[in-house]
Amino acid sequence: MSQHLHLVFGGELKDLSGAIVFEDLGRVDLVGVFASYEAALAAWRGVSQRAVDNAEMRYFIVPLHKLLDPKTGHEARA
């Protein structure tokens, strides 16, 4: 059985109109790694809802399994 790992993280952005650049990398919130998209989405919804009053705060879901070679479990080659 394979895992489809997803990373959930976020932080305050410097500028909402440009590239994703965090205000302070030391304050990036690493929510966690989840074994399914559904679990990651539930975590993302929870942290996003708590940050709803801060317009500069953004959370993201990164599909880590797409960065790995599913056949070998090693890093994907560029």
PDB file of N, CA and C in Angstrom:
ATOM      1  N   MET A   1       0.847  -1.186   0.000  1.00  0.00           N
ATOM      2  CA  MET A   1       0.000   0.000   0.000  1.00  0.00           C
ATOM      3  C   MET A   1       0.891   1.248   0.000  1.00  0.00           C
ATOM      4  N   SER A   2       0.659   2.143  -0.923  1.00  0.00           N
ATOM      5  CA  SER A   2       1.466   3.357  -0.997  1.00  0.00           C
ATOM      6  C   SER A   2       0.796   4.499  -0.235  1.00  0.00           C
ATOM      7  N   GLN A   3       1.613   5.395   0.233  1.00  0.00           N
ATOM      8  CA  GLN A   3       1.107   6.586   0.903  1.00  0.00           C
ATOM      9  C   GLN A   3       1.221   7.757  -0.049  1.00  0.00           C
ATOM     10  N   HIS A   4       0.242   8.601  -0.027  1.00  0.00           N
ATOM     11  CA  HIS A   4       0.294   9.835  -0.802  1.00  0.00           C
ATOM     12  C   HIS A   4       0.476  10.978   0.192  1.00  0.00           C
ATOM     13  N   LEU A   5       1.728  11.209   0.567  1.00  0.00           N
ATOM     14  CA  LEU A   5       2.050  12.180   1.604  1.00  0.00           C
ATOM     15  C   LEU A   5       1.811  13.611   1.134  1.00  0.00           C
ATOM     16  N   HIS A   6       1.263  14.411   2.044  1.00  0.00           N
ATOM     17  CA  HIS A   6       1.006  15.829   1.785  1.00  0.00           C
ATOM     18  C   HIS A   6       1.504  16.657   2.963  1.00  0.00           C
ATOM     19  N   LEU A   7       2.188  17.741   2.653  1.00  0.00           N
ATOM     20  CA  LEU A   7       2.683  18.679   3.658  1.00  0.00           C
ATOM     21  C   LEU A   7       1.734  19.874   3.728  1.00  0.00           C
ATOM     22  N   VAL A   8       1.369  20.264   4.937  1.00  0.00           N
ATOM     23  CA  VAL A   8       0.560  21.461   5.153  1.00  0.00           C
ATOM     24  C   VAL A   8       1.413  22.461   5.929  1.00  0.00           C
ATOM     25  N   PHE A   9       1.543  23.657   5.372  1.00  0.00           N
ATOM     26  CA  PHE A   9       2.327  24.701   6.029  1.00  0.00           C
ATOM     27  C   PHE A   9       1.802  26.059   5.589  1.00  0.00           C
ATOM     28  N   GLY A  10       2.212  27.099   6.311  1.00  0.00           N
ATOM     29  CA  GLY A  10       1.779  28.441   5.950  1.00  0.00           C
ATOM     30  C   GLY A  10       2.507  29.487   6.747  1.00  0.00           C
ATOM     31  N   GLY A  11       2.157  30.703   6.456  1.00  0.00           N
ATOM     32  CA  GLY A  11       2.762  31.825   7.145  1.00  0.00           C
ATOM     33  C   GLY A  11       2.285  33.139   6.561  1.00  0.00           C
ATOM     34  N   GLU A  12       2.785  34.187   7.135  1.00  0.00           N
ATOM     35  CA  GLU A  12       2.403  35.525   6.686  1.00  0.00           C
ATOM     36  C   GLU A  12       3.238  35.902   5.456  1.00  0.00           C
ATOM     37  N   LEU A  13       2.559  36.347   4.408  1.00  0.00           N
ATOM     38  CA  LEU A  13       3.232  36.717   3.172  1.00  0.00           C
ATOM     39  C   LEU A  13       3.601  38.194   3.172  1.00  0.00           C
ATOM     40  N   LYS A  14       4.702  38.522   2.470  1.00  0.00           N
ATOM     41  CA  LYS A  14       5.130  39.924   2.362  1.00  0.00           C
ATOM     42  C   LYS A  14       4.183  40.730   1.495  1.00  0.00           C
ATOM     43  N   ASP A  15       3.753  40.140   0.376  1.00  0.00           N
ATOM     44  CA  ASP A  15       2.942  40.857  -0.603  1.00  0.00           C
ATOM     45  C   ASP A  15       1.945  39.875  -1.199  1.00  0.00           C
ATOM     46  N   LEU A  16       0.686  40.207  -1.157  1.00  0.00           N
ATOM     47  CA  LEU A  16      -0.347  39.308  -1.659  1.00  0.00           C
ATOM     48  C   LEU A  16      -0.478  39.334  -3.177  1.00  0.00           C
ATOM     49  N   SER A  17       0.107  40.320  -3.831  1.00  0.00           N
ATOM     50  CA  SER A  17      -0.077  40.462  -5.276  1.00  0.00           C
ATOM     51  C   SER A  17       1.052  39.842  -6.096  1.00  0.00           C
ATOM     52  N   GLY A  18       2.101  39.398  -5.456  1.00  0.00           N
ATOM     53  CA  GLY A  18       3.246  38.879  -6.196  1.00  0.00           C
ATOM     54  C   GLY A  18       3.513  37.417  -5.907  1.00  0.00           C
ATOM     55  N   ALA A  19       4.774  37.059  -6.036  1.00  0.00           N
ATOM     56  CA  ALA A  19       5.215  35.691  -5.763  1.00  0.00           C
ATOM     57  C   ALA A  19       5.021  35.369  -4.280  1.00  0.00           C
ATOM     58  N   ILE A  20       5.002  34.091  -3.968  1.00  0.00           N
ATOM     59  CA  ILE A  20       4.852  33.659  -2.582  1.00  0.00           C
ATOM     60  C   ILE A  20       6.187  33.846  -1.873  1.00  0.00           C
ATOM     61  N   VAL A  21       6.252  34.910  -1.055  1.00  0.00           N
ATOM     62  CA  VAL A  21       7.444  35.224  -0.267  1.00  0.00           C
ATOM     63  C   VAL A  21       6.970  35.450   1.164  1.00  0.00           C
ATOM     64  N   PHE A  22       7.516  34.646   2.076  1.00  0.00           N
ATOM     65  CA  PHE A  22       7.093  34.750   3.472  1.00  0.00           C
ATOM     66  C   PHE A  22       7.770  35.928   4.156  1.00  0.00           C
ATOM     67  N   GLU A  23       7.023  36.569   5.029  1.00  0.00           N
ATOM     68  CA  GLU A  23       7.525  37.710   5.798  1.00  0.00           C
ATOM     69  C   GLU A  23       8.722  37.298   6.651  1.00  0.00           C
ATOM     70  N   ASP A  24       8.621  36.158   7.325  1.00  0.00           N
ATOM     71  CA  ASP A  24       9.674  35.685   8.221  1.00  0.00           C
ATOM     72  C   ASP A  24       9.704  34.156   8.168  1.00  0.00           C
ATOM     73  N   LEU A  25      10.714  33.590   7.520  1.00  0.00           N
ATOM     74  CA  LEU A  25      10.803  32.128   7.405  1.00  0.00           C
ATOM     75  C   LEU A  25      10.895  31.440   8.759  1.00  0.00           C
ATOM     76  N   GLY A  26      11.401  32.131   9.748  1.00  0.00           N
ATOM     77  CA  GLY A  26      11.480  31.566  11.089  1.00  0.00           C
ATOM     78  C   GLY A  26      10.125  31.385  11.744  1.00  0.00           C
ATOM     79  N   ARG A  27       9.113  32.024  11.187  1.00  0.00           N
ATOM     80  CA  ARG A  27       7.771  31.928  11.761  1.00  0.00           C
ATOM     81  C   ARG A  27       6.800  31.144  10.872  1.00  0.00           C
ATOM     82  N   VAL A  28       7.336  30.434   9.871  1.00  0.00           N
ATOM     83  CA  VAL A  28       6.489  29.589   9.033  1.00  0.00           C
ATOM     84  C   VAL A  28       5.924  28.474   9.910  1.00  0.00           C
ATOM     85  N   ASP A  29       4.626  28.266   9.787  1.00  0.00           N
ATOM     86  CA  ASP A  29       3.922  27.269  10.579  1.00  0.00           C
ATOM     87  C   ASP A  29       3.906  25.940   9.821  1.00  0.00           C
ATOM     88  N   LEU A  30       4.696  24.972  10.285  1.00  0.00           N
ATOM     89  CA  LEU A  30       4.699  23.632   9.698  1.00  0.00           C
ATOM     90  C   LEU A  30       3.634  22.817  10.423  1.00  0.00           C
ATOM     91  N   VAL A  31       2.486  22.705   9.794  1.00  0.00           N
ATOM     92  CA  VAL A  31       1.348  22.041  10.423  1.00  0.00           C
ATOM     93  C   VAL A  31       1.589  20.543  10.531  1.00  0.00           C
ATOM     94  N   GLY A  32       2.077  19.933   9.439  1.00  0.00           N
ATOM     95  CA  GLY A  32       2.375  18.510   9.503  1.00  0.00           C
ATOM     96  C   GLY A  32       2.380  17.837   8.151  1.00  0.00           C
ATOM     97  N   VAL A  33       2.723  16.547   8.177  1.00  0.00           N
ATOM     98  CA  VAL A  33       2.695  15.698   6.996  1.00  0.00           C
ATOM     99  C   VAL A  33       1.559  14.706   7.196  1.00  0.00           C
ATOM    100  N   PHE A  34       0.748  14.532   6.155  1.00  0.00           N
ATOM    101  CA  PHE A  34      -0.445  13.707   6.251  1.00  0.00           C
ATOM    102  C   PHE A  34      -0.428  12.625   5.182  1.00  0.00           C
ATOM    103  N   ALA A  35      -1.018  11.479   5.489  1.00  0.00           N
ATOM    104  CA  ALA A  35      -0.961  10.310   4.619  1.00  0.00           C
ATOM    105  C   ALA A  35      -1.977  10.338   3.481  1.00  0.00           C
ATOM    106  N   SER A  36      -2.846  11.326   3.451  1.00  0.00           N
ATOM    107  CA  SER A  36      -3.816  11.426   2.365  1.00  0.00           C
ATOM    108  C   SER A  36      -4.165  12.894   2.138  1.00  0.00           C
ATOM    109  N   TYR A  37      -4.667  13.160   0.950  1.00  0.00           N
ATOM    110  CA  TYR A  37      -5.100  14.524   0.642  1.00  0.00           C
ATOM    111  C   TYR A  37      -6.256  14.932   1.542  1.00  0.00           C
ATOM    112  N   GLU A  38      -7.149  14.019   1.809  1.00  0.00           N
ATOM    113  CA  GLU A  38      -8.317  14.322   2.648  1.00  0.00           C
ATOM    114  C   GLU A  38      -7.898  14.752   4.049  1.00  0.00           C
ATOM    115  N   ALA A  39      -6.923  14.058   4.623  1.00  0.00           N
ATOM    116  CA  ALA A  39      -6.425  14.425   5.953  1.00  0.00           C
ATOM    117  C   ALA A  39      -5.719  15.773   5.908  1.00  0.00           C
ATOM    118  N   ALA A  40      -4.944  16.004   4.848  1.00  0.00           N
ATOM    119  CA  ALA A  40      -4.254  17.291   4.699  1.00  0.00           C
ATOM    120  C   ALA A  40      -5.258  18.417   4.533  1.00  0.00           C
ATOM    121  N   LEU A  41      -6.291  18.180   3.752  1.00  0.00           N
ATOM    122  CA  LEU A  41      -7.326  19.199   3.530  1.00  0.00           C
ATOM    123  C   LEU A  41      -8.045  19.547   4.834  1.00  0.00           C
ATOM    124  N   ALA A  42      -8.328  18.554   5.638  1.00  0.00           N
ATOM    125  CA  ALA A  42      -8.981  18.809   6.934  1.00  0.00           C
ATOM    126  C   ALA A  42      -8.073  19.664   7.823  1.00  0.00           C
ATOM    127  N   ALA A  43      -6.782  19.358   7.845  1.00  0.00           N
ATOM    128  CA  ALA A  43      -5.832  20.152   8.639  1.00  0.00           C
ATOM    129  C   ALA A  43      -5.728  21.564   8.077  1.00  0.00           C
ATOM    130  N   TRP A  44      -5.651  21.685   6.753  1.00  0.00           N
ATOM    131  CA  TRP A  44      -5.574  22.996   6.091  1.00  0.00           C
ATOM    132  C   TRP A  44      -6.797  23.847   6.426  1.00  0.00           C
ATOM    133  N   ARG A  45      -7.962  23.246   6.363  1.00  0.00           N
ATOM    134  CA  ARG A  45      -9.194  23.985   6.695  1.00  0.00           C
ATOM    135  C   ARG A  45      -9.159  24.493   8.129  1.00  0.00           C
ATOM    136  N   GLY A  46      -8.688  23.660   9.038  1.00  0.00           N
ATOM    137  CA  GLY A  46      -8.631  24.054  10.446  1.00  0.00           C
ATOM    138  C   GLY A  46      -7.708  25.236  10.687  1.00  0.00           C
ATOM    139  N   VAL A  47      -6.490  25.165  10.156  1.00  0.00           N
ATOM    140  CA  VAL A  47      -5.546  26.263  10.392  1.00  0.00           C
ATOM    141  C   VAL A  47      -5.933  27.508   9.600  1.00  0.00           C
ATOM    142  N   SER A  48      -6.483  27.326   8.423  1.00  0.00           N
ATOM    143  CA  SER A  48      -6.913  28.482   7.626  1.00  0.00           C
ATOM    144  C   SER A  48      -8.055  29.217   8.315  1.00  0.00           C
ATOM    145  N   GLN A  49      -8.969  28.478   8.902  1.00  0.00           N
ATOM    146  CA  GLN A  49     -10.098  29.092   9.599  1.00  0.00           C
ATOM    147  C   GLN A  49      -9.622  29.897  10.811  1.00  0.00           C
ATOM    148  N   ARG A  50      -8.623  29.384  11.508  1.00  0.00           N
ATOM    149  CA  ARG A  50      -8.101  30.110  12.671  1.00  0.00           C
ATOM    150  C   ARG A  50      -7.382  31.399  12.268  1.00  0.00           C
ATOM    151  N   ALA A  51      -6.873  31.457  11.032  1.00  0.00           N
ATOM    152  CA  ALA A  51      -6.124  32.624  10.559  1.00  0.00           C
ATOM    153  C   ALA A  51      -6.970  33.551   9.689  1.00  0.00           C
ATOM    154  N   VAL A  52      -8.268  33.356   9.660  1.00  0.00           N
ATOM    155  CA  VAL A  52      -9.138  34.089   8.739  1.00  0.00           C
ATOM    156  C   VAL A  52      -9.084  35.610   8.953  1.00  0.00           C
ATOM    157  N   ASP A  53      -8.766  36.071  10.136  1.00  0.00           N
ATOM    158  CA  ASP A  53      -8.726  37.511  10.412  1.00  0.00           C
ATOM    159  C   ASP A  53      -7.433  38.181   9.948  1.00  0.00           C
ATOM    160  N   ASN A  54      -6.442  37.402   9.517  1.00  0.00           N
ATOM    161  CA  ASN A  54      -5.176  37.946   9.052  1.00  0.00           C
ATOM    162  C   ASN A  54      -5.093  37.762   7.536  1.00  0.00           C
ATOM    163  N   ALA A  55      -5.327  38.823   6.783  1.00  0.00           N
ATOM    164  CA  ALA A  55      -5.377  38.744   5.322  1.00  0.00           C
ATOM    165  C   ALA A  55      -4.054  38.322   4.707  1.00  0.00           C
ATOM    166  N   GLU A  56      -2.937  38.544   5.387  1.00  0.00           N
ATOM    167  CA  GLU A  56      -1.628  38.190   4.835  1.00  0.00           C
ATOM    168  C   GLU A  56      -1.237  36.733   5.098  1.00  0.00           C
ATOM    169  N   MET A  57      -1.995  36.048   5.942  1.00  0.00           N
ATOM    170  CA  MET A  57      -1.673  34.667   6.311  1.00  0.00           C
ATOM    171  C   MET A  57      -2.237  33.713   5.263  1.00  0.00           C
ATOM    172  N   ARG A  58      -1.375  32.823   4.770  1.00  0.00           N
ATOM    173  CA  ARG A  58      -1.788  31.832   3.782  1.00  0.00           C
ATOM    174  C   ARG A  58      -1.241  30.464   4.167  1.00  0.00           C
ATOM    175  N   TYR A  59      -2.044  29.434   3.930  1.00  0.00           N
ATOM    176  CA  TYR A  59      -1.633  28.056   4.150  1.00  0.00           C
ATOM    177  C   TYR A  59      -1.704  27.304   2.828  1.00  0.00           C
ATOM    178  N   PHE A  60      -0.837  26.301   2.698  1.00  0.00           N
ATOM    179  CA  PHE A  60      -0.693  25.567   1.456  1.00  0.00           C
ATOM    180  C   PHE A  60      -0.652  24.069   1.723  1.00  0.00           C
ATOM    181  N   ILE A  61      -1.065  23.305   0.712  1.00  0.00           N
ATOM    182  CA  ILE A  61      -0.927  21.847   0.725  1.00  0.00           C
ATOM    183  C   ILE A  61       0.029  21.490  -0.406  1.00  0.00           C
ATOM    184  N   VAL A  62       1.108  20.789  -0.068  1.00  0.00           N
ATOM    185  CA  VAL A  62       2.090  20.355  -1.069  1.00  0.00           C
ATOM    186  C   VAL A  62       2.032  18.832  -1.175  1.00  0.00           C
ATOM    187  N   PRO A  63       1.789  18.302  -2.378  1.00  0.00           N
ATOM    188  CA  PRO A  63       1.754  16.844  -2.553  1.00  0.00           C
ATOM    189  C   PRO A  63       3.173  16.274  -2.606  1.00  0.00           C
ATOM    190  N   LEU A  64       3.689  15.877  -1.451  1.00  0.00           N
ATOM    191  CA  LEU A  64       5.060  15.371  -1.370  1.00  0.00           C
ATOM    192  C   LEU A  64       5.262  14.113  -2.204  1.00  0.00           C
ATOM    193  N   HIS A  65       4.227  13.308  -2.331  1.00  0.00           N
ATOM    194  CA  HIS A  65       4.368  12.058  -3.080  1.00  0.00           C
ATOM    195  C   HIS A  65       4.709  12.322  -4.547  1.00  0.00           C
ATOM    196  N   LYS A  66       4.395  13.496  -5.054  1.00  0.00           N
ATOM    197  CA  LYS A  66       4.730  13.822  -6.436  1.00  0.00           C
ATOM    198  C   LYS A  66       6.207  14.173  -6.592  1.00  0.00           C
ATOM    199  N   LEU A  67       6.888  14.418  -5.467  1.00  0.00           N
ATOM    200  CA  LEU A  67       8.313  14.707  -5.497  1.00  0.00           C
ATOM    201  C   LEU A  67       9.150  13.441  -5.359  1.00  0.00           C
ATOM    202  N   LEU A  68       8.484  12.328  -5.109  1.00  0.00           N
ATOM    203  CA  LEU A  68       9.164  11.045  -4.950  1.00  0.00           C
ATOM    204  C   LEU A  68       8.826  10.140  -6.129  1.00  0.00           C
ATOM    205  N   ASP A  69       9.727   9.267  -6.462  1.00  0.00           N
ATOM    206  CA  ASP A  69       9.478   8.286  -7.508  1.00  0.00           C
ATOM    207  C   ASP A  69       8.636   7.167  -6.899  1.00  0.00           C
ATOM    208  N   PRO A  70       7.403   6.987  -7.337  1.00  0.00           N
ATOM    209  CA  PRO A  70       6.537   5.986  -6.707  1.00  0.00           C
ATOM    210  C   PRO A  70       7.016   4.548  -6.892  1.00  0.00           C
ATOM    211  N   LYS A  71       7.862   4.297  -7.897  1.00  0.00           N
ATOM    212  CA  LYS A  71       8.337   2.934  -8.132  1.00  0.00           C
ATOM    213  C   LYS A  71       9.460   2.541  -7.178  1.00  0.00           C
ATOM    214  N   THR A  72      10.310   3.500  -6.853  1.00  0.00           N
ATOM    215  CA  THR A  72      11.478   3.177  -6.024  1.00  0.00           C
ATOM    216  C   THR A  72      11.404   3.760  -4.621  1.00  0.00           C
ATOM    217  N   GLY A  73      10.579   4.777  -4.425  1.00  0.00           N
ATOM    218  CA  GLY A  73      10.533   5.451  -3.139  1.00  0.00           C
ATOM    219  C   GLY A  73      11.652   6.465  -2.969  1.00  0.00           C
ATOM    220  N   HIS A  74      12.466   6.652  -4.001  1.00  0.00           N
ATOM    221  CA  HIS A  74      13.567   7.602  -3.960  1.00  0.00           C
ATOM    222  C   HIS A  74      13.142   8.915  -4.601  1.00  0.00           C
ATOM    223  N   GLU A  75      14.023   9.874  -4.508  1.00  0.00           N
ATOM    224  CA  GLU A  75      13.757  11.177  -5.115  1.00  0.00           C
ATOM    225  C   GLU A  75      13.508  11.034  -6.609  1.00  0.00           C
ATOM    226  N   ALA A  76      12.559  11.825  -7.099  1.00  0.00           N
ATOM    227  CA  ALA A  76      12.331  11.871  -8.541  1.00  0.00           C
ATOM    228  C   ALA A  76      13.512  12.589  -9.186  1.00  0.00           C
ATOM    229  N   ARG A  77      13.904  12.174 -10.336  1.00  0.00           N
ATOM    230  CA  ARG A  77      15.026  12.790 -11.063  1.00  0.00           C
ATOM    231  C   ARG A  77      14.493  13.878 -11.967  1.00  0.00           C
ATOM    232  N   ALA A  78      15.178  15.017 -11.984  1.00  0.00           N
ATOM    233  CA  ALA A  78      14.763  16.139 -12.830  1.00  0.00           C
ATOM    234  C   ALA A  78      15.227  15.947 -14.256  1.00  0.00           C
TER     235      ALA A  78
END
